[in-house]
Amino acid sequence: LLPTSMHAKQVGLVELMMRWNFEIPVGFCCEMHAGIRAVKAACIEVQRHQCQKVTQRISVKQCQSCGMLLDGGSGDLVNSCEICYALHASQSRQPRRLRLHL
């Protein structure tokens, strides 16, 4: 498999963070950096766990444009990448643009 691009990792991380209800401390510079603070805190907690094999790979399908692993089981048809919208079938979509400057 290809390595996942840094941009795809950032977009995926921000999209995950946007699903969380995290604290925005008084005087904090912005919501995004408060969210990143929450992500870092969660990562520190997970990193404290003992080493183990992680079977997070949801499929062996992968976007050849950005390197993200694609949702869907072996029989599912994946039309486009959820991160960069690279086509994996005949559908046409414009690339997703987050309002954040990553």
N, C-alpha and C. Protein backbone atom coordinates (compact mmCIF):
# COMPACT_ATOMS: atom_id res chain seq x y z
N LEU A 1 0.84 -1.19 0.00
CA LEU A 1 0.00 0.00 0.00
C LEU A 1 0.88 1.25 0.00
N LEU A 2 0.34 2.32 -0.57
CA LEU A 2 1.04 3.60 -0.58
C LEU A 2 0.91 4.29 0.78
N PRO A 3 1.89 5.11 1.16
CA PRO A 3 1.71 5.89 2.40
C PRO A 3 0.61 6.92 2.20
N THR A 4 -0.14 7.19 3.25
CA THR A 4 -1.18 8.22 3.19
C THR A 4 -0.51 9.59 3.21
N SER A 5 -0.97 10.49 2.33
CA SER A 5 -0.35 11.82 2.26
C SER A 5 -0.60 12.60 3.55
N MET A 6 0.29 13.54 3.85
CA MET A 6 0.15 14.37 5.05
C MET A 6 -1.15 15.18 4.99
N HIS A 7 -1.49 15.70 3.81
CA HIS A 7 -2.72 16.48 3.68
C HIS A 7 -3.94 15.62 4.00
N ALA A 8 -3.97 14.39 3.49
CA ALA A 8 -5.09 13.49 3.76
C ALA A 8 -5.18 13.17 5.25
N LYS A 9 -4.04 12.99 5.91
CA LYS A 9 -4.04 12.74 7.35
C LYS A 9 -4.62 13.94 8.10
N GLN A 10 -4.21 15.15 7.69
CA GLN A 10 -4.70 16.36 8.35
C GLN A 10 -6.20 16.53 8.17
N VAL A 11 -6.68 16.33 6.95
CA VAL A 11 -8.12 16.45 6.68
C VAL A 11 -8.89 15.42 7.50
N GLY A 12 -8.42 14.18 7.51
CA GLY A 12 -9.09 13.14 8.28
C GLY A 12 -9.11 13.45 9.77
N LEU A 13 -8.01 13.98 10.28
CA LEU A 13 -7.93 14.33 11.70
C LEU A 13 -8.88 15.47 12.04
N VAL A 14 -8.91 16.50 11.21
CA VAL A 14 -9.81 17.63 11.46
C VAL A 14 -11.27 17.18 11.38
N GLU A 15 -11.58 16.32 10.41
CA GLU A 15 -12.96 15.82 10.31
C GLU A 15 -13.35 15.01 11.54
N LEU A 16 -12.43 14.20 12.06
CA LEU A 16 -12.70 13.46 13.29
C LEU A 16 -12.92 14.43 14.45
N MET A 17 -12.03 15.41 14.56
CA MET A 17 -12.10 16.39 15.64
C MET A 17 -13.43 17.15 15.61
N MET A 18 -13.95 17.42 14.43
CA MET A 18 -15.20 18.17 14.29
C MET A 18 -16.40 17.39 14.81
N ARG A 19 -16.23 16.10 15.05
CA ARG A 19 -17.31 15.27 15.59
C ARG A 19 -17.29 15.22 17.11
N TRP A 20 -16.29 15.83 17.73
CA TRP A 20 -16.14 15.81 19.18
C TRP A 20 -16.75 17.07 19.80
N ASN A 21 -17.23 16.92 21.02
CA ASN A 21 -17.66 18.06 21.82
C ASN A 21 -16.53 18.31 22.81
N PHE A 22 -15.65 19.24 22.49
CA PHE A 22 -14.47 19.50 23.33
C PHE A 22 -14.56 20.88 23.96
N GLU A 23 -13.84 21.04 25.05
CA GLU A 23 -13.81 22.31 25.77
C GLU A 23 -13.01 23.34 24.98
N ILE A 24 -13.51 24.56 24.97
CA ILE A 24 -12.76 25.69 24.41
C ILE A 24 -12.47 26.62 25.58
N PRO A 25 -11.27 26.52 26.14
CA PRO A 25 -10.96 27.32 27.33
C PRO A 25 -11.10 28.82 27.06
N VAL A 26 -11.49 29.56 28.09
CA VAL A 26 -11.61 31.01 27.98
C VAL A 26 -10.25 31.58 27.58
N GLY A 27 -10.27 32.46 26.61
CA GLY A 27 -9.04 33.10 26.17
C GLY A 27 -8.24 32.30 25.15
N PHE A 28 -8.75 31.11 24.78
CA PHE A 28 -8.03 30.31 23.78
C PHE A 28 -8.14 30.99 22.44
N CYS A 29 -7.12 30.87 21.60
CA CYS A 29 -7.06 31.62 20.34
C CYS A 29 -8.18 31.28 19.37
N CYS A 30 -8.57 30.01 19.23
CA CYS A 30 -9.60 29.65 18.27
C CYS A 30 -10.10 28.23 18.56
N GLU A 31 -11.24 27.89 17.92
CA GLU A 31 -11.83 26.56 18.09
C GLU A 31 -10.94 25.46 17.55
N MET A 32 -10.29 25.70 16.40
CA MET A 32 -9.46 24.66 15.80
C MET A 32 -8.31 24.27 16.74
N HIS A 33 -7.62 25.26 17.29
CA HIS A 33 -6.49 24.94 18.17
C HIS A 33 -6.96 24.33 19.50
N ALA A 34 -8.15 24.69 19.96
CA ALA A 34 -8.71 24.04 21.14
C ALA A 34 -9.02 22.57 20.83
N GLY A 35 -9.51 22.32 19.62
CA GLY A 35 -9.78 20.94 19.20
C GLY A 35 -8.51 20.13 19.08
N ILE A 36 -7.47 20.72 18.53
CA ILE A 36 -6.17 20.03 18.41
C ILE A 36 -5.63 19.71 19.79
N ARG A 37 -5.85 20.61 20.74
CA ARG A 37 -5.43 20.35 22.13
C ARG A 37 -6.15 19.11 22.65
N ALA A 38 -7.45 18.98 22.36
CA ALA A 38 -8.21 17.81 22.79
C ALA A 38 -7.71 16.54 22.11
N VAL A 39 -7.37 16.64 20.83
CA VAL A 39 -6.83 15.48 20.10
C VAL A 39 -5.50 15.05 20.71
N LYS A 40 -4.63 16.01 21.00
CA LYS A 40 -3.33 15.69 21.61
C LYS A 40 -3.53 14.99 22.95
N ALA A 41 -4.46 15.49 23.77
CA ALA A 41 -4.71 14.87 25.08
C ALA A 41 -5.18 13.43 24.91
N ALA A 42 -6.05 13.18 23.94
CA ALA A 42 -6.52 11.82 23.69
C ALA A 42 -5.38 10.93 23.20
N CYS A 43 -4.52 11.47 22.33
CA CYS A 43 -3.38 10.69 21.82
C CYS A 43 -2.41 10.32 22.95
N ILE A 44 -2.19 11.26 23.86
CA ILE A 44 -1.30 10.97 25.00
C ILE A 44 -1.86 9.83 25.84
N GLU A 45 -3.17 9.83 26.06
CA GLU A 45 -3.79 8.75 26.83
C GLU A 45 -3.68 7.41 26.10
N VAL A 46 -3.93 7.39 24.82
CA VAL A 46 -3.83 6.15 24.04
C VAL A 46 -2.39 5.65 24.01
N GLN A 47 -1.45 6.56 23.92
CA GLN A 47 -0.04 6.18 23.85
C GLN A 47 0.44 5.51 25.13
N ARG A 48 -0.23 5.74 26.23
CA ARG A 48 0.13 5.13 27.51
C ARG A 48 -0.23 3.65 27.58
N HIS A 49 -1.07 3.17 26.68
CA HIS A 49 -1.47 1.76 26.67
C HIS A 49 -0.27 0.89 26.28
N GLN A 50 -0.36 -0.37 26.65
CA GLN A 50 0.67 -1.33 26.27
C GLN A 50 0.68 -1.52 24.75
N CYS A 51 1.84 -1.90 24.23
CA CYS A 51 1.95 -2.18 22.79
C CYS A 51 1.00 -3.31 22.42
N GLN A 52 0.41 -3.20 21.25
CA GLN A 52 -0.50 -4.23 20.76
C GLN A 52 -0.68 -4.09 19.26
N LYS A 53 -1.14 -5.15 18.64
CA LYS A 53 -1.43 -5.09 17.22
C LYS A 53 -2.78 -4.39 17.05
N VAL A 54 -2.82 -3.43 16.15
CA VAL A 54 -4.05 -2.69 15.89
C VAL A 54 -4.56 -3.11 14.53
N THR A 55 -5.75 -3.67 14.49
CA THR A 55 -6.33 -4.10 13.22
C THR A 55 -7.39 -3.09 12.80
N GLN A 56 -6.93 -1.86 12.54
CA GLN A 56 -7.83 -0.78 12.18
C GLN A 56 -8.14 -0.73 10.71
N ARG A 57 -7.43 -1.47 9.91
CA ARG A 57 -7.62 -1.40 8.46
C ARG A 57 -9.00 -1.88 8.10
N ILE A 58 -9.82 -0.95 7.58
CA ILE A 58 -11.21 -1.28 7.27
C ILE A 58 -11.34 -1.99 5.94
N SER A 59 -10.33 -1.92 5.12
CA SER A 59 -10.35 -2.61 3.83
C SER A 59 -8.94 -2.57 3.26
N VAL A 60 -8.75 -3.27 2.18
CA VAL A 60 -7.47 -3.20 1.49
C VAL A 60 -7.57 -2.28 0.28
N LYS A 61 -8.74 -1.64 0.11
CA LYS A 61 -8.90 -0.67 -0.97
C LYS A 61 -8.25 0.64 -0.53
N GLN A 62 -7.61 1.30 -1.47
CA GLN A 62 -6.89 2.52 -1.13
C GLN A 62 -7.00 3.53 -2.27
N CYS A 63 -7.14 4.81 -1.92
CA CYS A 63 -7.14 5.88 -2.91
C CYS A 63 -5.72 6.00 -3.47
N GLN A 64 -5.59 5.92 -4.76
CA GLN A 64 -4.28 6.03 -5.40
C GLN A 64 -3.82 7.47 -5.52
N SER A 65 -4.71 8.42 -5.19
CA SER A 65 -4.36 9.83 -5.24
C SER A 65 -3.78 10.32 -3.92
N CYS A 66 -4.48 10.07 -2.80
CA CYS A 66 -4.01 10.60 -1.51
C CYS A 66 -3.54 9.52 -0.55
N GLY A 67 -3.82 8.25 -0.84
CA GLY A 67 -3.34 7.16 0.00
C GLY A 67 -4.26 6.77 1.15
N MET A 68 -5.44 7.41 1.28
CA MET A 68 -6.35 7.03 2.37
C MET A 68 -6.93 5.65 2.09
N LEU A 69 -7.16 4.89 3.16
CA LEU A 69 -7.85 3.62 3.02
C LEU A 69 -9.33 3.92 2.83
N LEU A 70 -9.97 3.19 1.95
CA LEU A 70 -11.35 3.47 1.58
C LEU A 70 -12.32 2.60 2.35
N ASP A 71 -13.46 3.18 2.71
CA ASP A 71 -14.53 2.43 3.37
C ASP A 71 -15.11 1.41 2.41
N GLY A 72 -15.62 0.34 2.97
CA GLY A 72 -16.32 -0.64 2.14
C GLY A 72 -15.70 -2.00 2.27
N GLY A 73 -16.56 -2.98 2.32
CA GLY A 73 -16.11 -4.37 2.36
C GLY A 73 -15.68 -4.82 0.98
N SER A 74 -15.34 -6.06 0.87
CA SER A 74 -14.80 -6.58 -0.39
C SER A 74 -15.81 -6.53 -1.53
N GLY A 75 -17.11 -6.54 -1.22
CA GLY A 75 -18.10 -6.52 -2.28
C GLY A 75 -18.65 -5.14 -2.58
N ASP A 76 -18.31 -4.14 -1.78
CA ASP A 76 -18.86 -2.80 -1.95
C ASP A 76 -18.17 -2.07 -3.08
N LEU A 77 -18.94 -1.27 -3.81
CA LEU A 77 -18.39 -0.43 -4.86
C LEU A 77 -18.09 0.93 -4.25
N VAL A 78 -16.86 1.36 -4.32
CA VAL A 78 -16.46 2.66 -3.80
C VAL A 78 -16.33 3.60 -4.99
N ASN A 79 -17.11 4.69 -4.99
CA ASN A 79 -17.12 5.59 -6.13
C ASN A 79 -16.03 6.65 -6.08
N SER A 80 -15.75 7.17 -4.90
CA SER A 80 -14.72 8.20 -4.79
C SER A 80 -14.17 8.23 -3.38
N CYS A 81 -13.00 8.83 -3.26
CA CYS A 81 -12.35 8.98 -1.97
C CYS A 81 -13.09 10.04 -1.16
N GLU A 82 -13.33 9.78 0.12
CA GLU A 82 -14.01 10.73 0.98
C GLU A 82 -13.15 11.93 1.32
N ILE A 83 -11.85 11.84 1.14
CA ILE A 83 -10.95 12.94 1.49
C ILE A 83 -10.67 13.82 0.28
N CYS A 84 -10.19 13.25 -0.81
CA CYS A 84 -9.81 14.07 -1.97
C CYS A 84 -10.77 13.95 -3.13
N TYR A 85 -11.77 13.06 -3.02
CA TYR A 85 -12.76 12.81 -4.07
C TYR A 85 -12.15 12.33 -5.38
N ALA A 86 -10.98 11.74 -5.32
CA ALA A 86 -10.43 11.12 -6.52
C ALA A 86 -11.41 10.05 -6.97
N LEU A 87 -11.61 9.94 -8.25
CA LEU A 87 -12.60 9.00 -8.78
C LEU A 87 -12.09 7.57 -8.74
N HIS A 88 -12.98 6.68 -8.37
CA HIS A 88 -12.68 5.25 -8.39
C HIS A 88 -13.77 4.52 -9.16
N ALA A 89 -14.56 5.28 -9.88
CA ALA A 89 -15.61 4.76 -10.76
C ALA A 89 -15.94 5.88 -11.74
N SER A 90 -17.16 5.90 -12.28
CA SER A 90 -17.49 6.88 -13.31
C SER A 90 -18.10 8.16 -12.78
N GLN A 91 -18.31 8.29 -11.45
CA GLN A 91 -18.90 9.51 -10.92
C GLN A 91 -17.91 10.66 -10.98
N SER A 92 -18.43 11.86 -11.12
CA SER A 92 -17.60 13.06 -11.18
C SER A 92 -17.94 13.97 -10.01
N ARG A 93 -16.94 14.34 -9.22
CA ARG A 93 -17.13 15.24 -8.08
C ARG A 93 -15.96 16.20 -8.02
N GLN A 94 -16.20 17.35 -7.43
CA GLN A 94 -15.13 18.32 -7.20
C GLN A 94 -14.43 17.96 -5.90
N PRO A 95 -13.12 18.19 -5.79
CA PRO A 95 -12.43 17.90 -4.54
C PRO A 95 -13.03 18.69 -3.38
N ARG A 96 -13.07 18.06 -2.21
CA ARG A 96 -13.59 18.70 -1.02
C ARG A 96 -12.58 19.74 -0.55
N ARG A 97 -13.06 20.88 -0.16
CA ARG A 97 -12.21 21.94 0.36
C ARG A 97 -12.68 22.30 1.76
N LEU A 98 -11.85 22.04 2.73
CA LEU A 98 -12.17 22.49 4.08
C LEU A 98 -11.93 23.98 4.17
N ARG A 99 -12.67 24.63 5.02
CA ARG A 99 -12.46 26.05 5.21
C ARG A 99 -11.17 26.32 5.98
N LEU A 100 -10.62 25.30 6.58
CA LEU A 100 -9.35 25.45 7.31
C LEU A 100 -8.21 25.45 6.31
N HIS A 101 -7.22 26.21 6.58
CA HIS A 101 -6.05 26.28 5.70
C HIS A 101 -5.00 25.31 6.24
N LEU A 102 -4.97 24.12 5.64
CA LEU A 102 -4.04 23.08 6.10
C LEU A 102 -2.85 23.00 5.18
